[in-house]
Amino acid sequence: MLRGGAAQPALGGDVTEILTGGGKLYLAVILDLFSRMVVGWALSAANDRHLALRALEQALRRRCPEAGVLHHTDQGSPYASGDYQRVLTAHGITCSMSRRGNAHDNAAMESWFSTMTFELGDRFETHGDAKAKLFDYIEVFYNQERRHSTLGYLSPGEFERAARMRQAA
């Protein structure tokens, strides 16, 4: 994980509902709060700890974070589960959870899902259509092309490359 100055590296996580002609899907996302890069995501017909764990495991494989990372989520059962908490502890990640019923505590994730829904939508013809369009949106467009005012109008990928160059200098 990149360190943004003296700030502690942090991840955010949440799940949203996606509608398809074949029924509901759930999208779990892990966001690097420094660069706004989606570093983990998973899609499933069930909103359970396995979905949240798949997104977390992808983030861990992509980032190999050092101990001390802060991971913020809501108090949903997938994030409070013993399995999820054990993975966090095993990687030296500190768990931070929103106050019960306060969506503003997880504002970065709520904002991400709002942006995704506005730009991509939350209704798809089929499960396969949803998976393909979400992959394209997250991995190709959002992480590599979409510019953010909070990142100096760089995409998350460009922002991270610039940060690595600053750290190397």
N, C-alpha and C. Protein backbone atom coordinates (compact mmCIF):
# COMPACT_ATOMS: atom_id res chain seq x y z
N MET A 1 0.84 -1.18 0.00
CA MET A 1 0.00 0.00 0.00
C MET A 1 0.88 1.24 0.00
N LEU A 2 0.42 2.21 -0.70
CA LEU A 2 1.14 3.47 -0.71
C LEU A 2 0.80 4.24 0.56
N ARG A 3 1.76 4.96 1.06
CA ARG A 3 1.51 5.80 2.23
C ARG A 3 1.37 7.22 1.76
N GLY A 4 0.25 7.84 2.11
CA GLY A 4 0.00 9.23 1.75
C GLY A 4 0.54 10.16 2.81
N GLY A 5 1.80 10.47 2.75
CA GLY A 5 2.41 11.33 3.77
C GLY A 5 2.46 10.61 5.09
N ALA A 6 2.07 11.30 6.17
CA ALA A 6 2.12 10.72 7.50
C ALA A 6 0.85 9.95 7.84
N ALA A 7 -0.15 10.00 6.96
CA ALA A 7 -1.43 9.36 7.25
C ALA A 7 -1.27 7.84 7.28
N GLN A 8 -2.05 7.21 8.14
CA GLN A 8 -2.06 5.76 8.23
C GLN A 8 -2.76 5.21 7.00
N PRO A 9 -2.17 4.20 6.32
CA PRO A 9 -2.85 3.60 5.17
C PRO A 9 -4.21 3.06 5.59
N ALA A 10 -5.21 3.23 4.73
CA ALA A 10 -6.56 2.83 5.11
C ALA A 10 -7.32 2.25 3.93
N LEU A 11 -8.15 1.29 4.24
CA LEU A 11 -9.06 0.67 3.29
C LEU A 11 -10.49 0.91 3.75
N GLY A 12 -11.41 0.99 2.80
CA GLY A 12 -12.83 1.05 3.12
C GLY A 12 -13.51 -0.13 2.47
N GLY A 13 -14.58 -0.62 3.06
CA GLY A 13 -15.30 -1.75 2.48
C GLY A 13 -16.79 -1.62 2.68
N ASP A 14 -17.54 -2.09 1.70
CA ASP A 14 -18.99 -2.11 1.80
C ASP A 14 -19.56 -3.00 0.71
N VAL A 15 -20.86 -3.24 0.78
CA VAL A 15 -21.59 -4.08 -0.17
C VAL A 15 -22.81 -3.31 -0.65
N THR A 16 -23.13 -3.48 -1.93
CA THR A 16 -24.36 -2.90 -2.48
C THR A 16 -25.11 -3.96 -3.27
N GLU A 17 -26.37 -3.68 -3.51
CA GLU A 17 -27.24 -4.59 -4.24
C GLU A 17 -27.28 -4.20 -5.72
N ILE A 18 -27.20 -5.21 -6.58
CA ILE A 18 -27.28 -5.04 -8.02
C ILE A 18 -28.49 -5.85 -8.50
N LEU A 19 -29.31 -5.28 -9.36
CA LEU A 19 -30.48 -5.98 -9.86
C LEU A 19 -30.25 -6.46 -11.28
N THR A 20 -30.65 -7.71 -11.55
CA THR A 20 -30.55 -8.26 -12.90
C THR A 20 -31.87 -8.93 -13.24
N GLY A 21 -32.05 -9.23 -14.53
CA GLY A 21 -33.23 -9.98 -14.94
C GLY A 21 -33.28 -11.35 -14.30
N GLY A 22 -32.15 -11.86 -13.85
CA GLY A 22 -32.07 -13.16 -13.20
C GLY A 22 -32.11 -13.09 -11.69
N GLY A 23 -32.38 -11.92 -11.12
CA GLY A 23 -32.44 -11.77 -9.67
C GLY A 23 -31.35 -10.85 -9.15
N LYS A 24 -31.27 -10.74 -7.83
CA LYS A 24 -30.32 -9.84 -7.18
C LYS A 24 -28.91 -10.42 -7.16
N LEU A 25 -27.95 -9.52 -7.25
CA LEU A 25 -26.55 -9.83 -6.99
C LEU A 25 -26.06 -8.83 -5.96
N TYR A 26 -25.00 -9.17 -5.27
CA TYR A 26 -24.39 -8.27 -4.31
C TYR A 26 -22.95 -8.03 -4.71
N LEU A 27 -22.54 -6.77 -4.66
CA LEU A 27 -21.19 -6.36 -5.02
C LEU A 27 -20.48 -5.87 -3.77
N ALA A 28 -19.41 -6.56 -3.39
CA ALA A 28 -18.56 -6.13 -2.27
C ALA A 28 -17.33 -5.45 -2.86
N VAL A 29 -16.97 -4.29 -2.30
CA VAL A 29 -15.85 -3.51 -2.81
C VAL A 29 -14.93 -3.13 -1.65
N ILE A 30 -13.61 -3.21 -1.91
CA ILE A 30 -12.59 -2.71 -0.99
C ILE A 30 -11.88 -1.58 -1.72
N LEU A 31 -11.85 -0.41 -1.10
CA LEU A 31 -11.29 0.79 -1.71
C LEU A 31 -10.07 1.24 -0.91
N ASP A 32 -8.97 1.54 -1.61
CA ASP A 32 -7.81 2.16 -0.98
C ASP A 32 -8.18 3.63 -0.79
N LEU A 33 -8.28 4.09 0.43
CA LEU A 33 -8.78 5.44 0.70
C LEU A 33 -7.76 6.53 0.36
N PHE A 34 -6.50 6.17 0.16
CA PHE A 34 -5.48 7.14 -0.24
C PHE A 34 -5.64 7.50 -1.72
N SER A 35 -5.76 6.49 -2.56
CA SER A 35 -5.79 6.71 -4.01
C SER A 35 -7.18 6.54 -4.63
N ARG A 36 -8.15 6.09 -3.85
CA ARG A 36 -9.49 5.79 -4.34
C ARG A 36 -9.50 4.63 -5.33
N MET A 37 -8.43 3.83 -5.35
CA MET A 37 -8.34 2.66 -6.21
C MET A 37 -9.18 1.52 -5.63
N VAL A 38 -9.99 0.89 -6.47
CA VAL A 38 -10.68 -0.33 -6.05
C VAL A 38 -9.64 -1.44 -6.08
N VAL A 39 -9.31 -1.98 -4.91
CA VAL A 39 -8.26 -2.99 -4.82
C VAL A 39 -8.82 -4.39 -4.60
N GLY A 40 -10.10 -4.49 -4.32
CA GLY A 40 -10.75 -5.78 -4.17
C GLY A 40 -12.23 -5.66 -4.45
N TRP A 41 -12.77 -6.64 -5.14
CA TRP A 41 -14.21 -6.65 -5.36
C TRP A 41 -14.65 -8.07 -5.67
N ALA A 42 -15.89 -8.36 -5.34
CA ALA A 42 -16.47 -9.68 -5.59
C ALA A 42 -17.96 -9.53 -5.79
N LEU A 43 -18.52 -10.44 -6.56
CA LEU A 43 -19.94 -10.43 -6.91
C LEU A 43 -20.53 -11.78 -6.55
N SER A 44 -21.74 -11.78 -5.96
CA SER A 44 -22.36 -13.04 -5.55
C SER A 44 -23.87 -12.86 -5.44
N ALA A 45 -24.60 -13.96 -5.54
CA ALA A 45 -26.04 -13.94 -5.32
C ALA A 45 -26.36 -13.91 -3.83
N ALA A 46 -25.37 -14.14 -2.99
CA ALA A 46 -25.57 -14.12 -1.53
C ALA A 46 -24.74 -13.01 -0.90
N ASN A 47 -25.37 -12.24 -0.03
CA ASN A 47 -24.67 -11.21 0.73
C ASN A 47 -24.26 -11.82 2.06
N ASP A 48 -23.08 -12.43 2.09
CA ASP A 48 -22.63 -13.11 3.29
C ASP A 48 -21.13 -12.88 3.48
N ARG A 49 -20.59 -13.50 4.52
CA ARG A 49 -19.17 -13.30 4.84
C ARG A 49 -18.27 -13.81 3.73
N HIS A 50 -18.71 -14.81 2.98
CA HIS A 50 -17.88 -15.35 1.91
C HIS A 50 -17.67 -14.31 0.81
N LEU A 51 -18.70 -13.53 0.51
CA LEU A 51 -18.59 -12.45 -0.48
C LEU A 51 -17.59 -11.40 0.01
N ALA A 52 -17.76 -10.95 1.24
CA ALA A 52 -16.86 -9.93 1.80
C ALA A 52 -15.43 -10.45 1.88
N LEU A 53 -15.27 -11.71 2.24
CA LEU A 53 -13.93 -12.30 2.33
C LEU A 53 -13.26 -12.39 0.96
N ARG A 54 -14.01 -12.71 -0.09
CA ARG A 54 -13.42 -12.79 -1.43
C ARG A 54 -12.89 -11.42 -1.86
N ALA A 55 -13.65 -10.36 -1.58
CA ALA A 55 -13.18 -9.01 -1.92
C ALA A 55 -11.94 -8.66 -1.10
N LEU A 56 -11.95 -8.99 0.19
CA LEU A 56 -10.80 -8.71 1.05
C LEU A 56 -9.57 -9.50 0.60
N GLU A 57 -9.75 -10.77 0.27
CA GLU A 57 -8.62 -11.58 -0.16
C GLU A 57 -8.01 -11.06 -1.45
N GLN A 58 -8.84 -10.57 -2.37
CA GLN A 58 -8.32 -9.97 -3.59
C GLN A 58 -7.50 -8.72 -3.25
N ALA A 59 -8.01 -7.91 -2.35
CA ALA A 59 -7.28 -6.70 -1.93
C ALA A 59 -5.95 -7.06 -1.29
N LEU A 60 -5.94 -8.09 -0.47
CA LEU A 60 -4.69 -8.51 0.18
C LEU A 60 -3.68 -9.03 -0.83
N ARG A 61 -4.14 -9.78 -1.84
CA ARG A 61 -3.23 -10.27 -2.88
C ARG A 61 -2.67 -9.11 -3.70
N ARG A 62 -3.49 -8.13 -3.98
CA ARG A 62 -3.04 -7.00 -4.80
C ARG A 62 -2.11 -6.06 -4.04
N ARG A 63 -2.33 -5.90 -2.75
CA ARG A 63 -1.61 -4.88 -1.99
C ARG A 63 -0.54 -5.43 -1.07
N CYS A 64 -0.67 -6.65 -0.59
CA CYS A 64 0.28 -7.20 0.39
C CYS A 64 0.59 -6.15 1.47
N PRO A 65 -0.42 -5.68 2.17
CA PRO A 65 -0.21 -4.56 3.10
C PRO A 65 0.65 -4.95 4.30
N GLU A 66 1.40 -3.96 4.76
CA GLU A 66 2.15 -4.12 5.99
C GLU A 66 1.18 -3.99 7.16
N ALA A 67 1.59 -4.48 8.31
CA ALA A 67 0.76 -4.33 9.52
C ALA A 67 0.52 -2.84 9.78
N GLY A 68 -0.63 -2.55 10.34
CA GLY A 68 -0.95 -1.17 10.70
C GLY A 68 -1.98 -0.50 9.80
N VAL A 69 -2.41 -1.21 8.76
CA VAL A 69 -3.44 -0.65 7.90
C VAL A 69 -4.76 -0.61 8.67
N LEU A 70 -5.52 0.46 8.48
CA LEU A 70 -6.84 0.61 9.07
C LEU A 70 -7.87 0.19 8.04
N HIS A 71 -8.83 -0.63 8.42
CA HIS A 71 -9.88 -1.10 7.50
C HIS A 71 -11.23 -0.71 8.07
N HIS A 72 -11.93 0.20 7.35
CA HIS A 72 -13.19 0.73 7.83
C HIS A 72 -14.37 0.15 7.06
N THR A 73 -15.37 -0.32 7.81
CA THR A 73 -16.61 -0.86 7.23
C THR A 73 -17.78 -0.45 8.11
N ASP A 74 -18.97 -0.86 7.68
CA ASP A 74 -20.11 -0.73 8.57
C ASP A 74 -20.11 -1.92 9.54
N GLN A 75 -21.15 -2.04 10.36
CA GLN A 75 -21.20 -3.12 11.34
C GLN A 75 -21.95 -4.34 10.84
N GLY A 76 -22.05 -4.48 9.52
CA GLY A 76 -22.76 -5.62 8.95
C GLY A 76 -22.15 -6.94 9.37
N SER A 77 -22.99 -7.97 9.39
CA SER A 77 -22.54 -9.29 9.85
C SER A 77 -21.38 -9.86 9.04
N PRO A 78 -21.26 -9.59 7.71
CA PRO A 78 -20.07 -10.13 7.02
C PRO A 78 -18.77 -9.59 7.60
N TYR A 79 -18.76 -8.31 7.97
CA TYR A 79 -17.53 -7.68 8.48
C TYR A 79 -17.29 -8.00 9.95
N ALA A 80 -18.35 -8.27 10.69
CA ALA A 80 -18.22 -8.61 12.11
C ALA A 80 -17.98 -10.10 12.33
N SER A 81 -18.08 -10.90 11.25
CA SER A 81 -17.95 -12.35 11.40
C SER A 81 -16.55 -12.72 11.91
N GLY A 82 -16.49 -13.83 12.61
CA GLY A 82 -15.21 -14.32 13.12
C GLY A 82 -14.21 -14.57 12.00
N ASP A 83 -14.67 -15.11 10.86
CA ASP A 83 -13.78 -15.39 9.74
C ASP A 83 -13.12 -14.11 9.23
N TYR A 84 -13.92 -13.07 9.03
CA TYR A 84 -13.40 -11.81 8.50
C TYR A 84 -12.43 -11.17 9.48
N GLN A 85 -12.81 -11.18 10.75
CA GLN A 85 -11.95 -10.59 11.77
C GLN A 85 -10.63 -11.34 11.91
N ARG A 86 -10.66 -12.67 11.76
CA ARG A 86 -9.43 -13.46 11.84
C ARG A 86 -8.46 -13.11 10.69
N VAL A 87 -9.00 -12.90 9.49
CA VAL A 87 -8.15 -12.52 8.36
C VAL A 87 -7.51 -11.16 8.61
N LEU A 88 -8.30 -10.21 9.10
CA LEU A 88 -7.75 -8.89 9.42
C LEU A 88 -6.62 -9.02 10.44
N THR A 89 -6.88 -9.73 11.52
CA THR A 89 -5.89 -9.90 12.58
C THR A 89 -4.63 -10.58 12.07
N ALA A 90 -4.79 -11.62 11.24
CA ALA A 90 -3.64 -12.35 10.70
C ALA A 90 -2.74 -11.46 9.86
N HIS A 91 -3.30 -10.39 9.27
CA HIS A 91 -2.52 -9.49 8.44
C HIS A 91 -2.15 -8.18 9.17
N GLY A 92 -2.43 -8.12 10.46
CA GLY A 92 -2.08 -6.94 11.24
C GLY A 92 -2.91 -5.72 10.86
N ILE A 93 -4.11 -5.95 10.38
CA ILE A 93 -4.99 -4.85 9.95
C ILE A 93 -5.93 -4.50 11.09
N THR A 94 -6.04 -3.22 11.38
CA THR A 94 -6.91 -2.75 12.46
C THR A 94 -8.31 -2.52 11.92
N CYS A 95 -9.29 -3.11 12.57
CA CYS A 95 -10.69 -2.98 12.17
C CYS A 95 -11.29 -1.70 12.75
N SER A 96 -12.00 -0.97 11.92
CA SER A 96 -12.74 0.22 12.34
C SER A 96 -14.14 0.09 11.77
N MET A 97 -15.15 0.22 12.62
CA MET A 97 -16.52 0.09 12.15
C MET A 97 -17.34 1.33 12.46
N SER A 98 -18.26 1.62 11.54
CA SER A 98 -19.19 2.74 11.71
C SER A 98 -20.04 2.56 12.95
N ARG A 99 -20.55 3.68 13.43
CA ARG A 99 -21.55 3.59 14.48
C ARG A 99 -22.81 2.98 13.87
N ARG A 100 -23.54 2.25 14.67
CA ARG A 100 -24.75 1.59 14.19
C ARG A 100 -25.73 2.60 13.59
N GLY A 101 -26.16 2.31 12.34
CA GLY A 101 -27.17 3.15 11.70
C GLY A 101 -26.67 4.48 11.18
N ASN A 102 -25.35 4.70 11.14
CA ASN A 102 -24.83 5.98 10.69
C ASN A 102 -24.04 5.80 9.40
N ALA A 103 -24.72 5.97 8.26
CA ALA A 103 -24.09 5.77 6.95
C ALA A 103 -23.00 6.80 6.69
N HIS A 104 -23.05 7.95 7.34
CA HIS A 104 -22.03 8.99 7.11
C HIS A 104 -20.66 8.55 7.57
N ASP A 105 -20.59 7.61 8.51
CA ASP A 105 -19.30 7.11 8.98
C ASP A 105 -18.55 6.35 7.89
N ASN A 106 -19.27 5.84 6.90
CA ASN A 106 -18.66 5.10 5.80
C ASN A 106 -18.89 5.87 4.50
N ALA A 107 -18.74 7.18 4.57
CA ALA A 107 -19.09 8.07 3.46
C ALA A 107 -18.30 7.80 2.20
N ALA A 108 -17.03 7.44 2.32
CA ALA A 108 -16.23 7.18 1.12
C ALA A 108 -16.82 6.03 0.31
N MET A 109 -17.27 5.00 0.99
CA MET A 109 -17.86 3.85 0.29
C MET A 109 -19.24 4.20 -0.26
N GLU A 110 -20.03 4.91 0.52
CA GLU A 110 -21.35 5.32 0.03
C GLU A 110 -21.19 6.19 -1.21
N SER A 111 -20.20 7.08 -1.21
CA SER A 111 -19.93 7.93 -2.36
C SER A 111 -19.49 7.10 -3.56
N TRP A 112 -18.65 6.09 -3.34
CA TRP A 112 -18.19 5.25 -4.44
C TRP A 112 -19.37 4.55 -5.10
N PHE A 113 -20.24 3.95 -4.28
CA PHE A 113 -21.40 3.25 -4.85
C PHE A 113 -22.35 4.21 -5.56
N SER A 114 -22.52 5.40 -5.02
CA SER A 114 -23.37 6.41 -5.67
C SER A 114 -22.80 6.78 -7.04
N THR A 115 -21.49 6.98 -7.11
CA THR A 115 -20.84 7.30 -8.39
C THR A 115 -20.99 6.15 -9.37
N MET A 116 -20.75 4.93 -8.91
CA MET A 116 -20.89 3.77 -9.78
C MET A 116 -22.30 3.66 -10.33
N THR A 117 -23.29 3.82 -9.47
CA THR A 117 -24.68 3.72 -9.89
C THR A 117 -25.03 4.81 -10.89
N PHE A 118 -24.55 6.02 -10.67
CA PHE A 118 -24.81 7.13 -11.58
C PHE A 118 -24.16 6.88 -12.94
N GLU A 119 -22.93 6.40 -12.93
CA GLU A 119 -22.18 6.24 -14.18
C GLU A 119 -22.48 4.93 -14.91
N LEU A 120 -22.80 3.88 -14.18
CA LEU A 120 -22.99 2.56 -14.78
C LEU A 120 -24.41 2.06 -14.66
N GLY A 121 -25.07 2.42 -13.57
CA GLY A 121 -26.39 1.88 -13.29
C GLY A 121 -26.31 0.76 -12.28
N ASP A 122 -27.47 0.28 -11.84
CA ASP A 122 -27.50 -0.84 -10.90
C ASP A 122 -28.49 -1.91 -11.35
N ARG A 123 -28.85 -1.87 -12.64
CA ARG A 123 -29.75 -2.88 -13.22
C ARG A 123 -29.13 -3.40 -14.50
N PHE A 124 -29.08 -4.73 -14.62
CA PHE A 124 -28.46 -5.37 -15.76
C PHE A 124 -29.37 -6.48 -16.27
N GLU A 125 -29.20 -6.86 -17.53
CA GLU A 125 -30.07 -7.88 -18.12
C GLU A 125 -29.88 -9.24 -17.46
N THR A 126 -28.63 -9.66 -17.31
CA THR A 126 -28.33 -10.98 -16.76
C THR A 126 -27.19 -10.87 -15.75
N HIS A 127 -26.95 -11.96 -15.03
CA HIS A 127 -25.81 -12.01 -14.11
C HIS A 127 -24.50 -11.84 -14.90
N GLY A 128 -24.40 -12.52 -16.04
CA GLY A 128 -23.19 -12.42 -16.86
C GLY A 128 -22.96 -11.01 -17.37
N ASP A 129 -24.05 -10.34 -17.76
CA ASP A 129 -23.97 -8.95 -18.22
C ASP A 129 -23.46 -8.06 -17.09
N ALA A 130 -23.98 -8.26 -15.90
CA ALA A 130 -23.55 -7.47 -14.74
C ALA A 130 -22.07 -7.69 -14.46
N LYS A 131 -21.64 -8.95 -14.47
CA LYS A 131 -20.23 -9.25 -14.17
C LYS A 131 -19.31 -8.61 -15.20
N ALA A 132 -19.64 -8.72 -16.47
CA ALA A 132 -18.80 -8.15 -17.53
C ALA A 132 -18.74 -6.63 -17.45
N LYS A 133 -19.90 -6.00 -17.24
CA LYS A 133 -19.93 -4.54 -17.19
C LYS A 133 -19.27 -4.00 -15.93
N LEU A 134 -19.41 -4.71 -14.81
CA LEU A 134 -18.74 -4.28 -13.58
C LEU A 134 -17.23 -4.43 -13.71
N PHE A 135 -16.76 -5.51 -14.31
CA PHE A 135 -15.33 -5.66 -14.53
C PHE A 135 -14.79 -4.50 -15.37
N ASP A 136 -15.46 -4.19 -16.47
CA ASP A 136 -15.02 -3.11 -17.34
C ASP A 136 -15.04 -1.77 -16.61
N TYR A 137 -16.11 -1.53 -15.85
CA TYR A 137 -16.22 -0.27 -15.12
C TYR A 137 -15.11 -0.13 -14.08
N ILE A 138 -14.93 -1.16 -13.25
CA ILE A 138 -13.98 -1.08 -12.13
C ILE A 138 -12.54 -1.14 -12.61
N GLU A 139 -12.20 -2.18 -13.33
CA GLU A 139 -10.79 -2.44 -13.66
C GLU A 139 -10.26 -1.57 -14.80
N VAL A 140 -11.11 -1.27 -15.77
CA VAL A 140 -10.64 -0.51 -16.93
C VAL A 140 -10.93 0.98 -16.76
N PHE A 141 -12.21 1.32 -16.58
CA PHE A 141 -12.57 2.73 -16.54
C PHE A 141 -12.23 3.39 -15.21
N TYR A 142 -12.83 2.91 -14.12
CA TYR A 142 -12.71 3.61 -12.84
C TYR A 142 -11.25 3.67 -12.36
N ASN A 143 -10.57 2.54 -12.26
CA ASN A 143 -9.22 2.52 -11.72
C ASN A 143 -8.19 3.19 -12.62
N GLN A 144 -8.37 3.12 -13.93
CA GLN A 144 -7.31 3.58 -14.83
C GLN A 144 -7.63 4.87 -15.59
N GLU A 145 -8.91 5.21 -15.76
CA GLU A 145 -9.25 6.35 -16.60
C GLU A 145 -10.03 7.46 -15.89
N ARG A 146 -10.90 7.10 -14.96
CA ARG A 146 -11.78 8.10 -14.36
C ARG A 146 -10.99 9.07 -13.50
N ARG A 147 -11.13 10.34 -13.80
CA ARG A 147 -10.40 11.38 -13.08
C ARG A 147 -11.20 11.83 -11.85
N HIS A 148 -10.46 12.16 -10.78
CA HIS A 148 -11.07 12.56 -9.51
C HIS A 148 -10.56 13.94 -9.11
N SER A 149 -11.48 14.80 -8.74
CA SER A 149 -11.07 16.14 -8.29
C SER A 149 -10.22 16.04 -7.02
N THR A 150 -10.52 15.08 -6.13
CA THR A 150 -9.74 14.93 -4.89
C THR A 150 -8.33 14.42 -5.14
N LEU A 151 -8.08 13.90 -6.35
CA LEU A 151 -6.76 13.38 -6.70
C LEU A 151 -6.04 14.30 -7.69
N GLY A 152 -6.46 15.57 -7.72
CA GLY A 152 -5.84 16.52 -8.65
C GLY A 152 -6.19 16.20 -10.09
N TYR A 153 -7.37 15.66 -10.30
CA TYR A 153 -7.88 15.30 -11.62
C TYR A 153 -7.04 14.23 -12.31
N LEU A 154 -6.52 13.31 -11.50
CA LEU A 154 -5.85 12.12 -12.00
C LEU A 154 -6.75 10.93 -11.75
N SER A 155 -6.56 9.86 -12.49
CA SER A 155 -7.26 8.61 -12.19
C SER A 155 -6.55 7.97 -10.99
N PRO A 156 -7.19 7.01 -10.32
CA PRO A 156 -6.48 6.33 -9.23
C PRO A 156 -5.16 5.71 -9.67
N GLY A 157 -5.14 5.11 -10.85
CA GLY A 157 -3.89 4.51 -11.35
C GLY A 157 -2.81 5.56 -11.56
N GLU A 158 -3.17 6.68 -12.19
CA GLU A 158 -2.20 7.76 -12.42
C GLU A 158 -1.72 8.34 -11.10
N PHE A 159 -2.65 8.50 -10.14
CA PHE A 159 -2.30 9.05 -8.84
C PHE A 159 -1.29 8.16 -8.12
N GLU A 160 -1.52 6.85 -8.17
CA GLU A 160 -0.60 5.92 -7.52
C GLU A 160 0.77 5.92 -8.19
N ARG A 161 0.80 5.97 -9.51
CA ARG A 161 2.09 6.01 -10.21
C ARG A 161 2.85 7.28 -9.83
N ALA A 162 2.16 8.41 -9.76
CA ALA A 162 2.81 9.68 -9.37
C ALA A 162 3.30 9.60 -7.93
N ALA A 163 2.52 8.98 -7.04
CA ALA A 163 2.93 8.85 -5.64
C ALA A 163 4.16 7.97 -5.51
N ARG A 164 4.22 6.88 -6.28
CA ARG A 164 5.40 6.01 -6.25
C ARG A 164 6.64 6.75 -6.74
N MET A 165 6.48 7.58 -7.75
CA MET A 165 7.62 8.35 -8.25
C MET A 165 8.10 9.36 -7.19
N ARG A 166 7.15 9.98 -6.48
CA ARG A 166 7.54 10.93 -5.41
C ARG A 166 8.26 10.20 -4.28
N GLN A 167 7.78 8.99 -3.94
CA GLN A 167 8.42 8.22 -2.87
C GLN A 167 9.82 7.77 -3.27
N ALA A 168 10.01 7.47 -4.54
CA ALA A 168 11.30 6.99 -5.01
C ALA A 168 12.32 8.12 -5.11
N ALA A 169 11.82 9.35 -5.27
CA ALA A 169 12.74 10.50 -5.45
C ALA A 169 13.39 10.92 -4.15
